[in-house]
Protein backbone atom coordinates (compact mmCIF):
# COMPACT_ATOMS: atom_id res chain seq x y z
CA UNK A 1 6.93 12.61 12.79
CA UNK A 2 3.35 10.97 14.18
CA UNK A 3 3.75 7.40 13.98
CA UNK A 4 0.91 4.87 14.34
CA UNK A 5 -1.16 3.44 15.65
CA UNK A 6 -3.42 6.78 15.58
CA UNK A 7 -6.59 7.46 18.12
CA UNK A 8 -8.46 6.87 14.96
CA UNK A 9 -7.33 4.86 11.81
CA UNK A 10 -7.07 6.77 9.41
CA UNK A 11 -9.93 6.65 6.47
CA UNK A 12 -8.06 8.62 3.15
CA UNK A 13 -11.34 9.81 0.71
CA UNK A 14 -10.46 10.57 -2.63
CA UNK A 15 -13.28 11.01 -5.59
CA UNK A 16 -13.82 7.22 -6.66
CA UNK A 17 -11.83 5.73 -3.70
CA UNK A 18 -11.74 5.55 0.05
CA UNK A 19 -8.62 4.11 2.10
CA UNK A 20 -10.59 2.27 5.15
CA UNK A 21 -9.28 -0.15 7.38
CA UNK A 22 -10.06 -3.58 6.33
CA UNK A 23 -12.72 -5.10 8.12
CA UNK A 24 -13.23 -9.33 9.21
CA UNK A 25 -16.03 -9.26 6.88
CA UNK A 26 -13.72 -7.92 3.68
CA UNK A 27 -11.25 -10.70 4.13
CA UNK A 28 -13.23 -13.23 2.40
CA UNK A 29 -12.99 -11.02 -0.94
CA UNK A 30 -9.32 -10.12 -0.62
CA UNK A 31 -7.65 -14.02 0.22
CA UNK A 32 -5.99 -14.13 -3.51
CA UNK A 33 -4.25 -10.55 -2.73
CA UNK A 34 -3.67 -11.25 1.22
CA UNK A 35 -0.12 -11.48 2.17
CA UNK A 36 2.69 -11.69 4.74
CA UNK A 37 6.39 -11.32 4.62
CA UNK A 38 6.06 -12.18 0.80
CA UNK A 39 3.91 -15.41 1.53
CA UNK A 40 0.55 -15.21 -0.15
CA UNK A 41 -2.50 -16.63 1.71
CA UNK A 42 -4.23 -19.25 0.34
CA UNK A 43 -7.27 -20.27 2.54
CA UNK A 44 -9.55 -17.69 4.88
CA UNK A 45 -8.19 -18.86 7.62
CA UNK A 46 -4.94 -17.97 6.19
CA UNK A 47 -5.75 -14.66 5.41
CA UNK A 48 -7.27 -14.09 8.47
CA UNK A 49 -3.80 -15.24 10.68
CA UNK A 50 -2.11 -12.75 8.06
CA UNK A 51 -4.99 -9.71 8.50
CA UNK A 52 -4.19 -10.07 12.68
CA UNK A 53 -0.52 -9.89 12.08
CA UNK A 54 -0.85 -7.13 9.88
CA UNK A 55 -2.94 -5.57 12.40
CA UNK A 56 -0.52 -6.23 15.23
CA UNK A 57 2.50 -4.37 12.77
CA UNK A 58 -0.20 -1.55 13.06
CA UNK A 59 -0.40 -0.99 17.17
CA UNK A 60 3.06 -1.30 17.14
CA UNK A 61 3.87 1.87 14.76
CA UNK A 62 5.30 -0.69 12.42
CA UNK A 63 3.06 -0.28 9.37
CA UNK A 64 -0.17 1.35 7.95
CA UNK A 65 -2.54 -1.06 5.88
CA UNK A 66 -5.31 0.30 4.13
CA UNK A 67 -8.18 -1.69 1.91
CA UNK A 68 -8.75 0.65 -1.34
CA UNK A 69 -12.68 0.57 -1.56
CA UNK A 70 -14.90 1.80 -4.44
CA UNK A 71 -17.25 4.50 -3.10
CA UNK A 72 -19.81 3.58 -4.28
CA UNK A 73 -19.92 -0.54 -3.57
CA UNK A 74 -17.00 -0.08 -0.73
CA UNK A 75 -16.39 -3.07 -1.52
CA UNK A 76 -12.19 -3.76 -1.46
CA UNK A 77 -10.60 -3.45 -4.31
CA UNK A 78 -6.94 -3.69 -3.17
CA UNK A 79 -4.49 -2.73 -0.54
CA UNK A 80 -1.73 -0.70 -0.01
CA UNK A 81 0.15 1.01 2.66
CA UNK A 82 3.25 1.31 4.52
CA UNK A 83 5.41 -1.77 5.50
CA UNK A 84 8.98 -0.92 6.54
CA UNK A 85 11.29 1.67 7.85
CA UNK A 86 8.72 4.38 9.51
CA UNK A 87 10.56 4.43 12.77
CA UNK A 88 13.41 5.44 10.06
CA UNK A 89 11.29 8.35 8.87
CA UNK A 90 10.85 5.91 5.43
CA UNK A 91 8.40 4.37 4.46
CA UNK A 92 8.27 0.99 1.56
CA UNK A 93 5.29 1.43 0.10
CA UNK A 94 3.33 -1.41 -1.39
CA UNK A 95 0.08 -2.20 -2.97
CA UNK A 96 -2.14 -5.04 -4.49
CA UNK A 97 -5.17 -5.33 -6.92
CA UNK A 98 -7.59 -8.17 -7.39
CA UNK A 99 -7.41 -9.16 -10.80
CA UNK A 100 -10.72 -7.91 -11.94
CA UNK A 101 -10.15 -3.96 -11.18
CA UNK A 102 -6.77 -3.68 -12.93
CA UNK A 103 -6.49 -0.82 -15.53
CA UNK A 104 -9.21 1.20 -14.21
CA UNK A 105 -7.23 3.57 -12.21
CA UNK A 106 -7.51 2.53 -8.53
CA UNK A 107 -4.33 1.66 -7.63
CA UNK A 108 -3.08 5.63 -8.99
CA UNK A 109 -5.69 7.18 -7.15
CA UNK A 110 -4.95 5.03 -4.27
CA UNK A 111 -0.97 5.16 -4.53
CA UNK A 112 -1.46 9.28 -4.74
CA UNK A 113 -3.33 9.36 -1.05
CA UNK A 114 -1.23 7.40 0.61
CA UNK A 115 1.88 8.98 -0.80
CA UNK A 116 0.30 12.42 0.11
CA UNK A 117 -0.68 10.66 3.79
CA UNK A 118 3.05 9.49 4.17
CA UNK A 119 4.42 13.13 3.28
CA UNK A 120 2.13 15.49 5.36
CA UNK A 121 0.36 13.26 8.01
CA UNK A 122 3.75 10.73 9.12
CA UNK A 123 5.87 13.18 7.91
CA UNK A 124 8.07 10.29 5.94
CA UNK A 125 11.39 11.87 4.46
CA UNK A 126 11.93 9.19 1.99
CA UNK A 127 9.41 6.34 0.32
CA UNK A 128 10.47 3.83 -1.62
CA UNK A 129 9.09 0.96 -3.36
CA UNK A 130 10.24 -2.89 -4.62
CA UNK A 131 8.98 -5.04 -7.08
CA UNK A 132 10.22 -7.64 -9.26
CA UNK A 133 11.68 -6.42 -12.50
CA UNK A 134 9.08 -8.67 -14.21
CA UNK A 135 6.27 -6.45 -12.60
CA UNK A 136 5.87 -4.22 -15.60
CA UNK A 137 2.64 -2.89 -14.80
CA UNK A 138 4.01 -2.05 -11.15
CA UNK A 139 6.64 -0.24 -12.73
CA UNK A 140 4.69 1.88 -14.62
CA UNK A 141 2.59 2.87 -12.22
CA UNK A 142 5.21 3.95 -9.97
CA UNK A 143 7.52 5.69 -12.71
CA UNK A 144 4.18 7.43 -13.56
CA UNK A 145 4.03 8.62 -9.74
CA UNK A 146 7.85 10.37 -10.02
CA UNK A 147 9.89 6.96 -8.23
CA UNK A 148 13.08 6.66 -9.70
CA UNK A 149 15.07 3.48 -10.11
CA UNK A 150 17.77 3.64 -7.47
CA UNK A 151 18.76 -0.07 -7.35
CA UNK A 152 18.77 -3.51 -8.41
CA UNK A 153 18.55 -6.24 -5.44
CA UNK A 154 18.31 -9.69 -4.80
CA UNK A 155 15.55 -11.76 -6.00
CA UNK A 156 15.17 -10.36 -9.25
CA UNK A 157 13.57 -6.91 -7.65
CA UNK A 158 14.48 -3.44 -8.24
CA UNK A 159 14.02 -0.55 -6.10
CA UNK A 160 12.51 2.58 -6.72
CA UNK A 161 12.37 6.12 -4.57
CA UNK A 162 9.60 8.68 -5.10
CA UNK A 163 11.56 11.64 -6.50
CA UNK A 164 9.90 14.78 -4.06
CA UNK A 165 11.64 17.40 -6.14
CA UNK A 166 9.19 16.80 -9.11
CA UNK A 167 5.42 17.08 -8.86
CA UNK A 168 3.05 14.39 -8.48
CA UNK A 169 1.11 12.63 -11.06
CA UNK A 170 -2.44 14.08 -12.08
């Protein structure tokens, strides 16, 4: 297993997107999708504070959080990463996309890159995702990526786990 932090923060390039470290200059654009411990930022100050906590978690080896940047504009369109379980060889994969970029394939590409990194670079043995039962778009996405529902959990949420014995979606 190769846990964070790394000598250099990993940037992962795909055809349309780049998973990269979030910079201070990005934060104003992502206030509405800035979360920490399931609490959403409502101000720039809160988003900055949350990003600082996320950076500490990364430095402590507990998570890795990427901005999803459009390669043409370098604008952050969303975020994704692993937020729990790395010390056990597992990773909870989470993601959020700015509303104006939904339905354009960004998150599918980002999740595929993050999954590949988790399996092949970190060495995760298990990847899981949790969402609310009402989040139909997230459920559709994670099922498309070969996650299977394994449990109903508290707060009206469901847990999915990646089936590694299947081929990942194209």
